[in-house]
PDB file of N, CA and C in Angstrom:
ATOM      1  N   MET A   1     -18.996 -48.124 -16.678  1.00  0.00           N
ATOM      2  CA  MET A   1     -20.372 -48.540 -16.862  1.00  0.00           C
ATOM      3  C   MET A   1     -21.292 -47.571 -16.115  1.00  0.00           C
ATOM      4  N   ALA A   2     -22.206 -46.965 -16.828  1.00  0.00           N
ATOM      5  CA  ALA A   2     -23.153 -46.037 -16.207  1.00  0.00           C
ATOM      6  C   ALA A   2     -24.146 -46.807 -15.342  1.00  0.00           C
ATOM      7  N   VAL A   3     -24.573 -46.180 -14.272  1.00  0.00           N
ATOM      8  CA  VAL A   3     -25.499 -46.808 -13.340  1.00  0.00           C
ATOM      9  C   VAL A   3     -26.524 -45.765 -12.886  1.00  0.00           C
ATOM     10  N   GLU A   4     -27.762 -46.243 -12.676  1.00  0.00           N
ATOM     11  CA  GLU A   4     -28.814 -45.389 -12.136  1.00  0.00           C
ATOM     12  C   GLU A   4     -29.452 -46.098 -10.957  1.00  0.00           C
ATOM     13  N   ALA A   5     -29.988 -45.313 -10.045  1.00  0.00           N
ATOM     14  CA  ALA A   5     -30.631 -45.884  -8.867  1.00  0.00           C
ATOM     15  C   ALA A   5     -31.735 -44.957  -8.390  1.00  0.00           C
ATOM     16  N   TYR A   6     -32.725 -45.566  -7.763  1.00  0.00           N
ATOM     17  CA  TYR A   6     -33.729 -44.803  -7.032  1.00  0.00           C
ATOM     18  C   TYR A   6     -33.274 -44.755  -5.587  1.00  0.00           C
ATOM     19  N   VAL A   7     -33.233 -43.564  -5.027  1.00  0.00           N
ATOM     20  CA  VAL A   7     -32.831 -43.400  -3.635  1.00  0.00           C
ATOM     21  C   VAL A   7     -34.059 -42.921  -2.866  1.00  0.00           C
ATOM     22  N   PHE A   8     -34.482 -43.730  -1.910  1.00  0.00           N
ATOM     23  CA  PHE A   8     -35.615 -43.409  -1.045  1.00  0.00           C
ATOM     24  C   PHE A   8     -35.058 -42.697   0.182  1.00  0.00           C
ATOM     25  N   ILE A   9     -35.663 -41.582   0.539  1.00  0.00           N
ATOM     26  CA  ILE A   9     -35.106 -40.719   1.585  1.00  0.00           C
ATOM     27  C   ILE A   9     -36.149 -40.440   2.664  1.00  0.00           C
ATOM     28  N   GLU A  10     -35.765 -40.687   3.907  1.00  0.00           N
ATOM     29  CA  GLU A  10     -36.607 -40.344   5.051  1.00  0.00           C
ATOM     30  C   GLU A  10     -36.047 -39.077   5.684  1.00  0.00           C
ATOM     31  N   CYS A  11     -36.932 -38.117   5.956  1.00  0.00           N
ATOM     32  CA  CYS A  11     -36.529 -36.811   6.490  1.00  0.00           C
ATOM     33  C   CYS A  11     -37.102 -36.587   7.885  1.00  0.00           C
ATOM     34  N   GLU A  12     -36.549 -35.569   8.544  1.00  0.00           N
ATOM     35  CA  GLU A  12     -37.145 -35.086   9.783  1.00  0.00           C
ATOM     36  C   GLU A  12     -38.538 -34.546   9.472  1.00  0.00           C
ATOM     37  N   HIS A  13     -39.401 -34.549  10.462  1.00  0.00           N
ATOM     38  CA  HIS A  13     -40.779 -34.091  10.302  1.00  0.00           C
ATOM     39  C   HIS A  13     -40.848 -32.674   9.717  1.00  0.00           C
ATOM     40  N   ALA A  14     -41.681 -32.499   8.694  1.00  0.00           N
ATOM     41  CA  ALA A  14     -41.972 -31.202   8.061  1.00  0.00           C
ATOM     42  C   ALA A  14     -40.761 -30.570   7.372  1.00  0.00           C
ATOM     43  N   LYS A  15     -39.771 -31.359   6.986  1.00  0.00           N
ATOM     44  CA  LYS A  15     -38.577 -30.820   6.335  1.00  0.00           C
ATOM     45  C   LYS A  15     -38.402 -31.326   4.902  1.00  0.00           C
ATOM     46  N   SER A  16     -39.401 -32.007   4.343  1.00  0.00           N
ATOM     47  CA  SER A  16     -39.279 -32.600   3.011  1.00  0.00           C
ATOM     48  C   SER A  16     -38.979 -31.570   1.933  1.00  0.00           C
ATOM     49  N   LYS A  17     -39.659 -30.440   1.950  1.00  0.00           N
ATOM     50  CA  LYS A  17     -39.463 -29.417   0.915  1.00  0.00           C
ATOM     51  C   LYS A  17     -38.057 -28.847   0.977  1.00  0.00           C
ATOM     52  N   GLU A  18     -37.554 -28.598   2.172  1.00  0.00           N
ATOM     53  CA  GLU A  18     -36.193 -28.075   2.319  1.00  0.00           C
ATOM     54  C   GLU A  18     -35.163 -29.091   1.817  1.00  0.00           C
ATOM     55  N   VAL A  19     -35.366 -30.367   2.163  1.00  0.00           N
ATOM     56  CA  VAL A  19     -34.467 -31.413   1.685  1.00  0.00           C
ATOM     57  C   VAL A  19     -34.547 -31.509   0.158  1.00  0.00           C
ATOM     58  N   LEU A  20     -35.749 -31.458  -0.399  1.00  0.00           N
ATOM     59  CA  LEU A  20     -35.917 -31.522  -1.851  1.00  0.00           C
ATOM     60  C   LEU A  20     -35.158 -30.399  -2.542  1.00  0.00           C
ATOM     61  N   ASP A  21     -35.276 -29.194  -2.052  1.00  0.00           N
ATOM     62  CA  ASP A  21     -34.584 -28.054  -2.654  1.00  0.00           C
ATOM     63  C   ASP A  21     -33.073 -28.285  -2.699  1.00  0.00           C
ATOM     64  N   ASN A  22     -32.510 -28.821  -1.633  1.00  0.00           N
ATOM     65  CA  ASN A  22     -31.068 -29.092  -1.587  1.00  0.00           C
ATOM     66  C   ASN A  22     -30.693 -30.305  -2.435  1.00  0.00           C
ATOM     67  N   LEU A  23     -31.547 -31.278  -2.473  1.00  0.00           N
ATOM     68  CA  LEU A  23     -31.311 -32.498  -3.245  1.00  0.00           C
ATOM     69  C   LEU A  23     -31.190 -32.183  -4.734  1.00  0.00           C
ATOM     70  N   LEU A  24     -32.045 -31.314  -5.224  1.00  0.00           N
ATOM     71  CA  LEU A  24     -32.054 -30.985  -6.651  1.00  0.00           C
ATOM     72  C   LEU A  24     -30.811 -30.195  -7.090  1.00  0.00           C
ATOM     73  N   LYS A  25     -30.009 -29.724  -6.160  1.00  0.00           N
ATOM     74  CA  LYS A  25     -28.765 -29.012  -6.473  1.00  0.00           C
ATOM     75  C   LYS A  25     -27.583 -29.957  -6.649  1.00  0.00           C
ATOM     76  N   ILE A  26     -27.759 -31.234  -6.336  1.00  0.00           N
ATOM     77  CA  ILE A  26     -26.665 -32.207  -6.364  1.00  0.00           C
ATOM     78  C   ILE A  26     -26.497 -32.756  -7.780  1.00  0.00           C
ATOM     79  N   GLY A  27     -25.268 -32.734  -8.264  1.00  0.00           N
ATOM     80  CA  GLY A  27     -24.959 -33.317  -9.567  1.00  0.00           C
ATOM     81  C   GLY A  27     -25.273 -34.804  -9.576  1.00  0.00           C
ATOM     82  N   GLY A  28     -25.926 -35.254 -10.621  1.00  0.00           N
ATOM     83  CA  GLY A  28     -26.297 -36.659 -10.737  1.00  0.00           C
ATOM     84  C   GLY A  28     -27.731 -36.928 -10.345  1.00  0.00           C
ATOM     85  N   VAL A  29     -28.354 -36.026  -9.605  1.00  0.00           N
ATOM     86  CA  VAL A  29     -29.767 -36.187  -9.261  1.00  0.00           C
ATOM     87  C   VAL A  29     -30.574 -35.722 -10.470  1.00  0.00           C
ATOM     88  N   LYS A  30     -31.159 -36.689 -11.182  1.00  0.00           N
ATOM     89  CA  LYS A  30     -31.892 -36.383 -12.407  1.00  0.00           C
ATOM     90  C   LYS A  30     -33.308 -35.906 -12.127  1.00  0.00           C
ATOM     91  N   GLU A  31     -33.885 -36.428 -11.061  1.00  0.00           N
ATOM     92  CA  GLU A  31     -35.264 -36.103 -10.715  1.00  0.00           C
ATOM     93  C   GLU A  31     -35.477 -36.439  -9.249  1.00  0.00           C
ATOM     94  N   ALA A  32     -36.369 -35.724  -8.596  1.00  0.00           N
ATOM     95  CA  ALA A  32     -36.702 -36.020  -7.205  1.00  0.00           C
ATOM     96  C   ALA A  32     -38.105 -35.513  -6.924  1.00  0.00           C
ATOM     97  N   ARG A  33     -38.834 -36.280  -6.127  1.00  0.00           N
ATOM     98  CA  ARG A  33     -40.217 -35.932  -5.802  1.00  0.00           C
ATOM     99  C   ARG A  33     -40.506 -36.250  -4.345  1.00  0.00           C
ATOM    100  N   ILE A  34     -41.383 -35.442  -3.746  1.00  0.00           N
ATOM    101  CA  ILE A  34     -41.920 -35.735  -2.424  1.00  0.00           C
ATOM    102  C   ILE A  34     -43.041 -36.749  -2.624  1.00  0.00           C
ATOM    103  N   VAL A  35     -43.067 -37.799  -1.799  1.00  0.00           N
ATOM    104  CA  VAL A  35     -44.047 -38.869  -1.943  1.00  0.00           C
ATOM    105  C   VAL A  35     -44.688 -39.207  -0.600  1.00  0.00           C
ATOM    106  N   THR A  36     -45.751 -39.997  -0.663  1.00  0.00           N
ATOM    107  CA  THR A  36     -46.361 -40.515   0.552  1.00  0.00           C
ATOM    108  C   THR A  36     -45.792 -41.893   0.841  1.00  0.00           C
ATOM    109  N   GLY A  37     -46.006 -42.378   2.053  1.00  0.00           N
ATOM    110  CA  GLY A  37     -45.528 -43.706   2.416  1.00  0.00           C
ATOM    111  C   GLY A  37     -44.441 -43.627   3.460  1.00  0.00           C
ATOM    112  N   PRO A  38     -43.689 -44.715   3.630  1.00  0.00           N
ATOM    113  CA  PRO A  38     -42.672 -44.750   4.681  1.00  0.00           C
ATOM    114  C   PRO A  38     -41.481 -43.831   4.410  1.00  0.00           C
ATOM    115  N   TYR A  39     -41.270 -43.437   3.151  1.00  0.00           N
ATOM    116  CA  TYR A  39     -40.203 -42.499   2.812  1.00  0.00           C
ATOM    117  C   TYR A  39     -40.840 -41.192   2.375  1.00  0.00           C
ATOM    118  N   ASP A  40     -40.097 -40.112   2.498  1.00  0.00           N
ATOM    119  CA  ASP A  40     -40.618 -38.779   2.205  1.00  0.00           C
ATOM    120  C   ASP A  40     -40.287 -38.296   0.797  1.00  0.00           C
ATOM    121  N   LEU A  41     -39.169 -38.762   0.268  1.00  0.00           N
ATOM    122  CA  LEU A  41     -38.753 -38.382  -1.081  1.00  0.00           C
ATOM    123  C   LEU A  41     -38.203 -39.591  -1.816  1.00  0.00           C
ATOM    124  N   ILE A  42     -38.308 -39.540  -3.147  1.00  0.00           N
ATOM    125  CA  ILE A  42     -37.641 -40.518  -4.004  1.00  0.00           C
ATOM    126  C   ILE A  42     -36.867 -39.730  -5.043  1.00  0.00           C
ATOM    127  N   ALA A  43     -35.582 -40.081  -5.209  1.00  0.00           N
ATOM    128  CA  ALA A  43     -34.725 -39.410  -6.181  1.00  0.00           C
ATOM    129  C   ALA A  43     -34.191 -40.425  -7.185  1.00  0.00           C
ATOM    130  N   LEU A  44     -34.110 -40.013  -8.440  1.00  0.00           N
ATOM    131  CA  LEU A  44     -33.455 -40.800  -9.474  1.00  0.00           C
ATOM    132  C   LEU A  44     -32.051 -40.230  -9.627  1.00  0.00           C
ATOM    133  N   VAL A  45     -31.053 -41.080  -9.390  1.00  0.00           N
ATOM    134  CA  VAL A  45     -29.658 -40.638  -9.406  1.00  0.00           C
ATOM    135  C   VAL A  45     -28.900 -41.409 -10.481  1.00  0.00           C
ATOM    136  N   ALA A  46     -28.124 -40.690 -11.280  1.00  0.00           N
ATOM    137  CA  ALA A  46     -27.285 -41.305 -12.315  1.00  0.00           C
ATOM    138  C   ALA A  46     -25.823 -41.052 -11.986  1.00  0.00           C
ATOM    139  N   ALA A  47     -24.983 -42.052 -12.250  1.00  0.00           N
ATOM    140  CA  ALA A  47     -23.551 -41.921 -11.988  1.00  0.00           C
ATOM    141  C   ALA A  47     -22.786 -42.750 -13.018  1.00  0.00           C
ATOM    142  N   SER A  48     -21.510 -42.444 -13.159  1.00  0.00           N
ATOM    143  CA  SER A  48     -20.690 -43.150 -14.142  1.00  0.00           C
ATOM    144  C   SER A  48     -20.354 -44.576 -13.722  1.00  0.00           C
ATOM    145  N   ASN A  49     -20.361 -44.844 -12.405  1.00  0.00           N
ATOM    146  CA  ASN A  49     -20.081 -46.201 -11.906  1.00  0.00           C
ATOM    147  C   ASN A  49     -20.586 -46.310 -10.465  1.00  0.00           C
ATOM    148  N   PHE A  50     -20.460 -47.510  -9.894  1.00  0.00           N
ATOM    149  CA  PHE A  50     -20.990 -47.750  -8.550  1.00  0.00           C
ATOM    150  C   PHE A  50     -20.265 -46.935  -7.483  1.00  0.00           C
ATOM    151  N   LYS A  51     -18.962 -46.716  -7.653  1.00  0.00           N
ATOM    152  CA  LYS A  51     -18.228 -45.928  -6.659  1.00  0.00           C
ATOM    153  C   LYS A  51     -18.757 -44.492  -6.622  1.00  0.00           C
ATOM    154  N   VAL A  52     -18.946 -43.907  -7.789  1.00  0.00           N
ATOM    155  CA  VAL A  52     -19.464 -42.540  -7.859  1.00  0.00           C
ATOM    156  C   VAL A  52     -20.873 -42.488  -7.282  1.00  0.00           C
ATOM    157  N   LEU A  53     -21.690 -43.474  -7.591  1.00  0.00           N
ATOM    158  CA  LEU A  53     -23.043 -43.542  -7.030  1.00  0.00           C
ATOM    159  C   LEU A  53     -22.987 -43.569  -5.504  1.00  0.00           C
ATOM    160  N   GLY A  54     -22.131 -44.415  -4.967  1.00  0.00           N
ATOM    161  CA  GLY A  54     -21.974 -44.487  -3.517  1.00  0.00           C
ATOM    162  C   GLY A  54     -21.528 -43.173  -2.915  1.00  0.00           C
ATOM    163  N   ASP A  55     -20.604 -42.492  -3.590  1.00  0.00           N
ATOM    164  CA  ASP A  55     -20.131 -41.191  -3.112  1.00  0.00           C
ATOM    165  C   ASP A  55     -21.262 -40.160  -3.093  1.00  0.00           C
ATOM    166  N   VAL A  56     -22.093 -40.162  -4.142  1.00  0.00           N
ATOM    167  CA  VAL A  56     -23.211 -39.213  -4.195  1.00  0.00           C
ATOM    168  C   VAL A  56     -24.172 -39.475  -3.037  1.00  0.00           C
ATOM    169  N   VAL A  57     -24.502 -40.743  -2.819  1.00  0.00           N
ATOM    170  CA  VAL A  57     -25.455 -41.072  -1.758  1.00  0.00           C
ATOM    171  C   VAL A  57     -24.873 -40.773  -0.377  1.00  0.00           C
ATOM    172  N   ILE A  58     -23.686 -41.257  -0.123  1.00  0.00           N
ATOM    173  CA  ILE A  58     -23.111 -41.131   1.219  1.00  0.00           C
ATOM    174  C   ILE A  58     -22.594 -39.722   1.507  1.00  0.00           C
ATOM    175  N   SER A  59     -21.847 -39.157   0.582  1.00  0.00           N
ATOM    176  CA  SER A  59     -21.203 -37.862   0.845  1.00  0.00           C
ATOM    177  C   SER A  59     -22.103 -36.665   0.607  1.00  0.00           C
ATOM    178  N   LYS A  60     -23.071 -36.816  -0.288  1.00  0.00           N
ATOM    179  CA  LYS A  60     -23.889 -35.654  -0.639  1.00  0.00           C
ATOM    180  C   LYS A  60     -25.320 -35.769  -0.127  1.00  0.00           C
ATOM    181  N   ILE A  61     -26.023 -36.827  -0.492  1.00  0.00           N
ATOM    182  CA  ILE A  61     -27.431 -36.932  -0.101  1.00  0.00           C
ATOM    183  C   ILE A  61     -27.570 -37.117   1.402  1.00  0.00           C
ATOM    184  N   GLN A  62     -26.814 -38.038   1.978  1.00  0.00           N
ATOM    185  CA  GLN A  62     -26.943 -38.293   3.415  1.00  0.00           C
ATOM    186  C   GLN A  62     -26.436 -37.135   4.272  1.00  0.00           C
ATOM    187  N   SER A  63     -25.681 -36.234   3.682  1.00  0.00           N
ATOM    188  CA  SER A  63     -25.177 -35.099   4.463  1.00  0.00           C
ATOM    189  C   SER A  63     -26.106 -33.885   4.420  1.00  0.00           C
ATOM    190  N   ILE A  64     -27.200 -33.961   3.659  1.00  0.00           N
ATOM    191  CA  ILE A  64     -28.164 -32.859   3.642  1.00  0.00           C
ATOM    192  C   ILE A  64     -28.814 -32.765   5.025  1.00  0.00           C
ATOM    193  N   ASN A  65     -28.940 -31.561   5.533  1.00  0.00           N
ATOM    194  CA  ASN A  65     -29.615 -31.363   6.820  1.00  0.00           C
ATOM    195  C   ASN A  65     -31.005 -31.977   6.784  1.00  0.00           C
ATOM    196  N   TYR A  66     -31.389 -32.628   7.858  1.00  0.00           N
ATOM    197  CA  TYR A  66     -32.704 -33.223   8.090  1.00  0.00           C
ATOM    198  C   TYR A  66     -32.922 -34.566   7.401  1.00  0.00           C
ATOM    199  N   VAL A  67     -31.933 -35.102   6.688  1.00  0.00           N
ATOM    200  CA  VAL A  67     -32.053 -36.457   6.139  1.00  0.00           C
ATOM    201  C   VAL A  67     -31.765 -37.433   7.272  1.00  0.00           C
ATOM    202  N   LYS A  68     -32.722 -38.334   7.534  1.00  0.00           N
ATOM    203  CA  LYS A  68     -32.560 -39.324   8.603  1.00  0.00           C
ATOM    204  C   LYS A  68     -31.934 -40.610   8.088  1.00  0.00           C
ATOM    205  N   ARG A  69     -32.414 -41.095   6.925  1.00  0.00           N
ATOM    206  CA  ARG A  69     -31.850 -42.333   6.374  1.00  0.00           C
ATOM    207  C   ARG A  69     -32.214 -42.445   4.910  1.00  0.00           C
ATOM    208  N   THR A  70     -31.448 -43.285   4.201  1.00  0.00           N
ATOM    209  CA  THR A  70     -31.707 -43.527   2.785  1.00  0.00           C
ATOM    210  C   THR A  70     -31.734 -45.025   2.511  1.00  0.00           C
ATOM    211  N   LEU A  71     -32.386 -45.365   1.404  1.00  0.00           N
ATOM    212  CA  LEU A  71     -32.397 -46.737   0.894  1.00  0.00           C
ATOM    213  C   LEU A  71     -32.163 -46.627  -0.602  1.00  0.00           C
ATOM    214  N   THR A  72     -31.093 -47.254  -1.105  1.00  0.00           N
ATOM    215  CA  THR A  72     -30.737 -47.151  -2.508  1.00  0.00           C
ATOM    216  C   THR A  72     -31.109 -48.431  -3.240  1.00  0.00           C
ATOM    217  N   ASN A  73     -31.827 -48.263  -4.365  1.00  0.00           N
ATOM    218  CA  ASN A  73     -32.251 -49.384  -5.203  1.00  0.00           C
ATOM    219  C   ASN A  73     -31.684 -49.172  -6.591  1.00  0.00           C
ATOM    220  N   VAL A  74     -30.674 -49.969  -6.959  1.00  0.00           N
ATOM    221  CA  VAL A  74     -30.018 -49.842  -8.260  1.00  0.00           C
ATOM    222  C   VAL A  74     -30.950 -50.386  -9.341  1.00  0.00           C
ATOM    223  N   ILE A  75     -31.063 -49.649 -10.443  1.00  0.00           N
ATOM    224  CA  ILE A  75     -31.886 -50.063 -11.573  1.00  0.00           C
ATOM    225  C   ILE A  75     -31.083 -51.077 -12.390  1.00  0.00           C
ATOM    226  N   ILE A  76     -31.677 -52.244 -12.642  1.00  0.00           N
ATOM    227  CA  ILE A  76     -30.949 -53.287 -13.367  1.00  0.00           C
ATOM    228  C   ILE A  76     -31.475 -53.501 -14.795  1.00  0.00           C
ATOM    229  N   ASP A  77     -32.584 -52.867 -15.149  1.00  0.00           N
ATOM    230  CA  ASP A  77     -33.113 -53.036 -16.502  1.00  0.00           C
ATOM    231  C   ASP A  77     -33.766 -51.762 -16.975  1.00  0.00           C
TER     232      ASP A  77
END
């Protein structure tokens, strides 16, 4: 079952552009933008199932330099 999620990303100060550049290189990241508010970036991530989605978020997105924390919101409709 395919799954998509919005991943909200908080970065170290003044590092949003660098994180964005690395984020867009990750397979499954369909789109990503720098935003205002409590998070610095929002990414749309697609995966074949929840396990793969979790692997992308934990192993790839959270391991990018300067990423402080993420919040994943699975799309249900």
